[in-house]
Amino acid sequence: MRLRTPLALLGSALLVLLGPPLLTTGSGSDTGTQIPGLRFMVPNTPGGGYDITARTAAKNAEEAGLTGDIEVFNLPGAGGTVGLTRLVGERGNGRLAMSMGLGVVGAVHTNKTPRTLADTTPIARLTEEQDIVVVGKNSPYKTIEELLVAWKKDPGKLPVGGGSSPGGPDHLAPMLMAQAAGIAPKDVNYVPFDGGGELLASILGNKVGFGVSGVGEYLDQIKAGELRLLAVTGPKRVPGLDAPTLREAGLDTEFTNWRGIVAPPGLSDAEREKLVGLVTELHGSPQWRESLEKHGWNDAFLPGEEFGTFLTAQDRRVASVLKELGL
């Protein structure tokens, strides 16, 4: 995550639930990086960034012959913390992993959940991507400048939707935009959705004034003309997309999101190394490289303990940003 605000330079790179029975139908043998019966949990609804990342990673790993079939299932709720609670409750299960990212870090803080990412086994950070500011094709706002004029005039009457709970990337991005535009973050009417799929329906149905989401989630809708892209939140324009950065629009801020994979606690060294090894081989595969380009994801690979160190730093940074924004 990268967060820069006029107030401070925040730096770069910012109950156990019952589920479906474990499947052990994977075709791979239990050698090397092959993990039969491997399952990927997605802690939000289908169509969101975690969902797309998990299903893409599973498909690519299968196509590359790195493992047998991988089952991907969704367990949404509370910004990803329902899934996190389930994951931590699966202590010692080396055949379960969870797709996650900055949104879960924030949700832990805003929901004050007793389970945190410090309770998990870090496997790898995979991607980094910019957020985008979008409106429906019938929106009256043709440019980011027009949107900002209306937002500044009456922020409460122009709701912004995001596919993450408060504290997540789709919440932090518009809050930093508001701060840079001279709007008090507490005056922003933020409407959270449990993933990009639910948010998309709200944008297309004009239920929110504009939406903020990951660039890879809505590329198809943008290209099809269903969504109008007004701006990107990162330091540079996204190749192939005709949209300015927030700085080009006069807002002194930028923001990027990231996603990765964690596993339950209590894994043996061999189980942890096998999962890290699988994702490392995935990262080097041509299938994954093609997916990075297709979805507009930046390669941000960080395996094992390095990812764990990064998660600790992100947790502290999100807490600091939420405090600074008065949230």
Protein backbone atom coordinates (compact mmCIF):
# COMPACT_ATOMS: atom_id res chain seq x y z
CA MET A 1 0.00 0.00 0.00
CA ARG A 2 1.22 3.51 -0.77
CA LEU A 3 -0.46 6.33 1.06
CA ARG A 4 0.60 9.95 0.80
CA THR A 5 -1.37 12.81 2.35
CA PRO A 6 -0.75 16.50 2.85
CA LEU A 7 -0.60 15.89 6.61
CA ALA A 8 2.17 13.40 6.59
CA LEU A 9 4.23 11.16 4.34
CA LEU A 10 2.91 7.81 5.35
CA GLY A 11 5.49 5.85 3.34
CA SER A 12 5.32 3.24 0.64
CA ALA A 13 3.70 -0.13 0.53
CA LEU A 14 0.89 0.60 3.14
CA LEU A 15 -17.67 -19.15 16.80
CA VAL A 16 -15.42 -21.25 14.55
CA LEU A 17 -17.74 -21.71 11.58
CA LEU A 18 -18.68 -25.03 10.05
CA GLY A 19 -18.08 -25.23 6.34
CA PRO A 20 -18.24 -27.75 3.54
CA PRO A 21 -16.30 -30.95 4.14
CA LEU A 22 -12.69 -31.05 3.05
CA LEU A 23 -12.28 -32.60 -0.36
CA THR A 24 -9.37 -34.88 -1.08
CA THR A 25 -9.95 -35.46 -4.75
CA GLY A 26 -6.88 -33.60 -5.99
CA SER A 27 -5.07 -35.51 -8.71
CA GLY A 28 -1.54 -34.61 -7.58
CA SER A 29 0.63 -36.85 -5.44
CA ASP A 30 1.76 -35.58 -2.06
CA THR A 31 5.31 -34.86 -3.22
CA GLY A 32 7.20 -31.70 -4.13
CA THR A 33 4.72 -28.85 -4.26
CA GLN A 34 1.78 -31.14 -5.04
CA ILE A 35 -0.87 -30.76 -2.32
CA PRO A 36 -3.86 -33.05 -2.88
CA GLY A 37 -7.18 -31.70 -1.61
CA LEU A 38 -5.91 -28.11 -1.46
CA ARG A 39 -8.67 -25.53 -0.92
CA PHE A 40 -8.64 -21.75 -1.29
CA MET A 41 -11.04 -19.78 0.89
CA VAL A 42 -12.30 -16.41 -0.37
CA PRO A 43 -13.47 -14.20 2.53
CA ASN A 44 -15.90 -12.14 0.44
CA THR A 45 -18.55 -12.62 -2.21
CA PRO A 46 -17.95 -13.86 -5.77
CA GLY A 47 -16.71 -11.26 -8.23
CA GLY A 48 -14.49 -9.32 -5.83
CA GLY A 49 -10.73 -8.91 -5.89
CA TYR A 50 -10.00 -11.74 -3.47
CA ASP A 51 -12.28 -14.03 -5.47
CA ILE A 52 -10.71 -13.19 -8.83
CA THR A 53 -7.21 -13.57 -7.38
CA ALA A 54 -7.92 -16.93 -5.78
CA ARG A 55 -9.67 -18.42 -8.81
CA THR A 56 -6.99 -17.13 -11.16
CA ALA A 57 -4.18 -18.51 -8.98
CA ALA A 58 -5.93 -21.89 -8.67
CA LYS A 59 -6.54 -22.16 -12.41
CA ASN A 60 -2.99 -21.15 -13.27
CA ALA A 61 -1.47 -23.61 -10.79
CA GLU A 62 -3.57 -26.42 -12.24
CA GLU A 63 -2.75 -25.47 -15.83
CA ALA A 64 0.97 -25.32 -15.02
CA GLY A 65 0.81 -28.82 -13.52
CA LEU A 66 1.96 -27.59 -10.11
CA THR A 67 -0.80 -29.36 -8.20
CA GLY A 68 -4.05 -31.23 -8.64
CA ASP A 69 -7.51 -29.69 -8.55
CA ILE A 70 -7.89 -26.78 -6.13
CA GLU A 71 -11.34 -26.12 -4.69
CA VAL A 72 -12.18 -22.43 -4.30
CA PHE A 73 -15.07 -21.50 -1.99
CA ASN A 74 -16.50 -18.26 -0.60
CA LEU A 75 -17.12 -17.48 3.06
CA PRO A 76 -18.06 -13.77 3.13
CA GLY A 77 -18.82 -11.56 6.09
CA ALA A 78 -17.56 -8.64 8.19
CA GLY A 79 -14.98 -7.43 5.70
CA GLY A 80 -13.20 -10.78 5.58
CA THR A 81 -12.97 -11.39 9.32
CA VAL A 82 -15.54 -14.20 9.23
CA GLY A 83 -13.21 -16.05 6.89
CA LEU A 84 -10.22 -15.10 9.03
CA THR A 85 -11.90 -16.57 12.11
CA ARG A 86 -12.61 -19.78 10.22
CA LEU A 87 -9.02 -19.95 8.97
CA VAL A 88 -7.53 -19.53 12.44
CA GLY A 89 -9.92 -22.21 13.71
CA GLU A 90 -8.46 -24.66 11.16
CA ARG A 91 -5.19 -24.85 13.12
CA GLY A 92 -2.73 -27.33 11.62
CA ASN A 93 -4.64 -27.73 8.33
CA GLY A 94 -1.95 -27.63 5.64
CA ARG A 95 -4.49 -28.05 2.85
CA LEU A 96 -6.32 -24.77 3.37
CA ALA A 97 -5.26 -21.26 2.37
CA MET A 98 -7.07 -17.91 2.20
CA SER A 99 -6.93 -15.14 -0.37
CA MET A 100 -6.70 -11.79 1.40
CA GLY A 101 -5.27 -8.30 1.30
CA LEU A 102 -5.28 -4.83 2.76
CA GLY A 103 -9.04 -4.98 3.31
CA VAL A 104 -8.72 -7.73 5.90
CA VAL A 105 -6.01 -5.74 7.71
CA GLY A 106 -8.40 -2.79 8.01
CA ALA A 107 -11.43 -4.91 8.91
CA VAL A 108 -9.58 -6.41 11.87
CA HIS A 109 -9.21 -2.89 13.27
CA THR A 110 -12.68 -1.54 12.51
CA ASN A 111 -14.48 -4.71 13.64
CA LYS A 112 -12.20 -5.17 16.64
CA THR A 113 -12.07 -8.90 15.92
CA PRO A 114 -10.20 -11.08 18.42
CA ARG A 115 -8.51 -12.96 15.57
CA THR A 116 -5.83 -11.09 13.62
CA LEU A 117 -3.47 -11.83 10.78
CA ALA A 118 -0.75 -12.33 13.37
CA ASP A 119 -2.60 -15.59 14.17
CA THR A 120 -2.11 -16.92 10.61
CA THR A 121 0.79 -18.44 8.67
CA PRO A 122 1.95 -15.95 5.99
CA ILE A 123 2.44 -17.64 2.61
CA ALA A 124 3.05 -14.86 0.08
CA ARG A 125 2.09 -11.42 -1.14
CA LEU A 126 1.18 -11.77 -4.82
CA THR A 127 0.02 -8.54 -6.41
CA GLU A 128 -0.28 -4.82 -6.09
CA GLU A 129 -2.76 -2.71 -8.02
CA GLN A 130 -4.24 0.72 -8.20
CA ASP A 131 -7.78 1.55 -7.26
CA ILE A 132 -10.04 3.25 -9.79
CA VAL A 133 -12.78 5.86 -9.52
CA VAL A 134 -15.76 4.86 -11.66
CA VAL A 135 -19.35 5.90 -12.37
CA GLY A 136 -22.13 4.28 -14.37
CA LYS A 137 -22.44 5.03 -18.09
CA ASN A 138 -25.46 7.24 -17.41
CA SER A 139 -23.79 9.29 -14.69
CA PRO A 140 -23.82 13.08 -15.17
CA TYR A 141 -20.10 13.18 -14.31
CA LYS A 142 -17.89 12.93 -17.38
CA THR A 143 -14.58 13.78 -15.68
CA ILE A 144 -12.99 13.49 -12.25
CA GLU A 145 -12.97 17.30 -12.05
CA GLU A 146 -16.77 17.44 -12.48
CA LEU A 147 -17.19 14.78 -9.82
CA LEU A 148 -14.96 16.64 -7.36
CA VAL A 149 -16.93 19.88 -7.81
CA ALA A 150 -20.18 18.11 -6.89
CA TRP A 151 -18.56 16.15 -4.04
CA LYS A 152 -17.07 19.26 -2.44
CA LYS A 153 -20.40 21.10 -2.69
CA ASP A 154 -22.31 18.50 -0.66
CA PRO A 155 -20.31 15.35 0.23
CA GLY A 156 -23.15 13.83 2.23
CA LYS A 157 -25.46 13.78 -0.79
CA LEU A 158 -22.97 12.05 -3.07
CA PRO A 159 -22.41 8.58 -1.58
CA VAL A 160 -19.30 6.68 -2.54
CA GLY A 161 -19.41 2.89 -2.66
CA GLY A 162 -16.52 0.53 -2.02
CA GLY A 163 -16.07 -3.21 -2.04
CA SER A 164 -14.51 -3.33 1.40
CA SER A 165 -15.53 -2.49 4.95
CA PRO A 166 -14.25 0.62 6.74
CA GLY A 167 -10.48 0.40 7.06
CA GLY A 168 -10.14 -1.50 3.79
CA PRO A 169 -8.61 -0.21 0.54
CA ASP A 170 -11.86 0.89 -1.10
CA HIS A 171 -12.61 2.89 2.05
CA LEU A 172 -9.16 4.38 2.62
CA ALA A 173 -8.78 5.54 -0.99
CA PRO A 174 -11.84 7.86 -1.06
CA MET A 175 -11.07 9.07 2.46
CA LEU A 176 -7.61 10.15 1.33
CA MET A 177 -9.19 11.68 -1.78
CA ALA A 178 -11.58 13.63 0.43
CA GLN A 179 -8.80 14.85 2.69
CA ALA A 180 -6.80 16.05 -0.33
CA ALA A 181 -9.90 17.78 -1.73
CA GLY A 182 -10.54 19.65 1.52
CA ILE A 183 -13.48 17.47 2.56
CA ALA A 184 -13.54 16.27 6.16
CA PRO A 185 -13.38 12.44 6.08
CA LYS A 186 -16.16 12.28 8.68
CA ASP A 187 -18.45 14.06 6.19
CA VAL A 188 -17.97 11.41 3.52
CA ASN A 189 -21.00 9.20 2.95
CA TYR A 190 -19.22 5.86 2.45
CA VAL A 191 -21.36 2.83 1.62
CA PRO A 192 -19.54 -0.50 2.12
CA PHE A 193 -20.24 -3.62 0.07
CA ASP A 194 -18.94 -7.13 0.64
CA GLY A 195 -16.88 -7.35 -2.52
CA GLY A 196 -16.75 -5.88 -6.00
CA GLY A 197 -19.70 -7.91 -7.29
CA GLU A 198 -22.21 -6.25 -4.95
CA LEU A 199 -20.64 -2.84 -5.52
CA LEU A 200 -20.93 -3.16 -9.29
CA ALA A 201 -24.69 -3.66 -9.13
CA SER A 202 -25.02 -0.57 -6.96
CA ILE A 203 -22.97 1.59 -9.33
CA LEU A 204 -24.89 0.41 -12.40
CA GLY A 205 -28.17 0.95 -10.53
CA ASN A 206 -27.19 4.51 -9.55
CA LYS A 207 -27.45 3.63 -5.87
CA VAL A 208 -24.14 5.45 -5.22
CA GLY A 209 -22.71 8.60 -6.76
CA PHE A 210 -19.44 6.87 -7.64
CA GLY A 211 -17.49 3.77 -6.76
CA VAL A 212 -13.91 2.92 -5.85
CA SER A 213 -12.51 -0.53 -6.56
CA GLY A 214 -9.46 -2.40 -7.83
CA VAL A 215 -8.48 -1.84 -11.44
CA GLY A 216 -8.58 -5.56 -12.26
CA GLU A 217 -12.17 -6.05 -11.08
CA TYR A 218 -13.97 -3.86 -13.61
CA LEU A 219 -11.83 -3.92 -16.75
CA ASP A 220 -14.47 -5.83 -18.71
CA GLN A 221 -17.26 -3.41 -17.72
CA ILE A 222 -15.08 -0.40 -18.56
CA LYS A 223 -14.17 -1.81 -21.97
CA ALA A 224 -17.82 -2.68 -22.61
CA GLY A 225 -18.87 0.89 -21.84
CA GLU A 226 -21.02 -0.02 -18.83
CA LEU A 227 -18.73 1.92 -16.48
CA ARG A 228 -17.01 5.25 -17.06
CA LEU A 229 -13.48 5.42 -15.64
CA LEU A 230 -12.69 8.84 -14.18
CA ALA A 231 -9.33 8.39 -12.45
CA VAL A 232 -6.73 5.95 -11.12
CA THR A 233 -5.33 6.29 -7.61
CA GLY A 234 -1.70 5.26 -8.10
CA PRO A 235 1.43 7.21 -9.02
CA LYS A 236 1.17 6.56 -12.77
CA ARG A 237 -1.50 6.11 -15.40
CA VAL A 238 -2.50 2.51 -16.13
CA PRO A 239 -1.39 1.42 -19.61
CA GLY A 240 -4.35 0.89 -21.90
CA LEU A 241 -6.75 2.96 -19.79
CA ASP A 242 -7.62 6.56 -20.63
CA ALA A 243 -7.79 8.05 -17.15
CA PRO A 244 -5.68 10.57 -15.21
CA THR A 245 -4.09 10.00 -11.83
CA LEU A 246 -5.47 11.80 -8.79
CA ARG A 247 -2.42 14.05 -8.78
CA GLU A 248 -3.13 15.06 -12.38
CA ALA A 249 -6.61 16.01 -11.17
CA GLY A 250 -5.10 18.26 -8.51
CA LEU A 251 -5.34 15.95 -5.49
CA ASP A 252 -2.08 15.57 -3.57
CA THR A 253 -2.48 11.90 -2.74
CA GLU A 254 -1.94 8.42 -4.16
CA PHE A 255 -2.89 4.93 -3.12
CA THR A 256 -2.24 1.31 -4.13
CA ASN A 257 -3.71 -1.94 -2.85
CA TRP A 258 -2.15 -5.40 -2.50
CA ARG A 259 -3.29 -9.03 -2.17
CA GLY A 260 -1.76 -12.22 -0.87
CA ILE A 261 -2.30 -15.64 0.67
CA VAL A 262 -2.24 -16.81 4.30
CA ALA A 263 -2.79 -20.24 5.86
CA PRO A 264 -3.95 -21.52 9.25
CA PRO A 265 -1.65 -21.38 12.28
CA GLY A 266 0.16 -24.40 13.65
CA LEU A 267 1.51 -25.79 10.39
CA SER A 268 4.58 -28.00 10.42
CA ASP A 269 7.69 -26.61 8.72
CA ALA A 270 7.16 -29.09 5.89
CA GLU A 271 3.53 -28.00 5.35
CA ARG A 272 4.45 -24.32 5.38
CA GLU A 273 7.36 -24.84 3.00
CA LYS A 274 5.15 -26.81 0.64
CA LEU A 275 2.58 -24.02 0.43
CA VAL A 276 5.25 -21.33 0.02
CA GLY A 277 6.96 -23.49 -2.60
CA LEU A 278 3.73 -23.97 -4.56
CA VAL A 279 3.04 -20.23 -4.69
CA THR A 280 6.69 -19.53 -5.57
CA GLU A 281 6.45 -21.91 -8.53
CA LEU A 282 3.13 -20.32 -9.50
CA HIS A 283 4.80 -16.91 -9.46
CA GLY A 284 7.39 -18.13 -11.96
CA SER A 285 4.92 -19.74 -14.33
CA PRO A 286 4.01 -18.27 -17.75
CA GLN A 287 0.34 -18.76 -16.88
CA TRP A 288 0.61 -16.40 -13.91
CA ARG A 289 2.62 -13.86 -15.89
CA GLU A 290 -0.12 -13.77 -18.49
CA SER A 291 -2.76 -13.31 -15.77
CA LEU A 292 -0.86 -10.38 -14.26
CA GLU A 293 -0.98 -8.57 -17.59
CA LYS A 294 -4.59 -9.52 -18.29
CA HIS A 295 -5.90 -8.16 -14.97
CA GLY A 296 -3.65 -5.12 -14.75
CA TRP A 297 -1.93 -6.44 -11.63
CA ASN A 298 1.61 -5.45 -10.69
CA ASP A 299 3.93 -8.24 -9.58
CA ALA A 300 4.57 -7.73 -5.85
CA PHE A 301 5.78 -11.20 -4.87
CA LEU A 302 7.00 -11.51 -1.29
CA PRO A 303 7.20 -15.04 0.15
CA GLY A 304 7.02 -16.52 3.64
CA GLU A 305 8.69 -14.66 6.47
CA GLU A 306 9.22 -11.54 4.36
CA PHE A 307 5.47 -11.37 3.84
CA GLY A 308 4.97 -11.83 7.58
CA THR A 309 7.20 -8.83 8.27
CA PHE A 310 5.26 -6.82 5.69
CA LEU A 311 1.93 -7.76 7.32
CA THR A 312 3.14 -6.52 10.70
CA ALA A 313 4.17 -3.20 9.17
CA GLN A 314 0.86 -2.87 7.29
CA ASP A 315 -1.11 -3.48 10.47
CA ARG A 316 0.69 -0.63 12.21
CA ARG A 317 0.36 1.66 9.21
CA VAL A 318 -3.39 1.10 8.80
CA ALA A 319 -3.92 1.80 12.51
CA SER A 320 -1.95 5.05 12.10
CA VAL A 321 -3.88 6.15 8.99
CA LEU A 322 -7.26 5.45 10.58
CA LYS A 323 -6.22 7.49 13.60
CA GLU A 324 -4.95 10.38 11.48
CA LEU A 325 -8.18 10.45 9.49
CA GLY A 326 -10.20 10.47 12.69
CA LEU A 327 -11.79 7.14 11.81
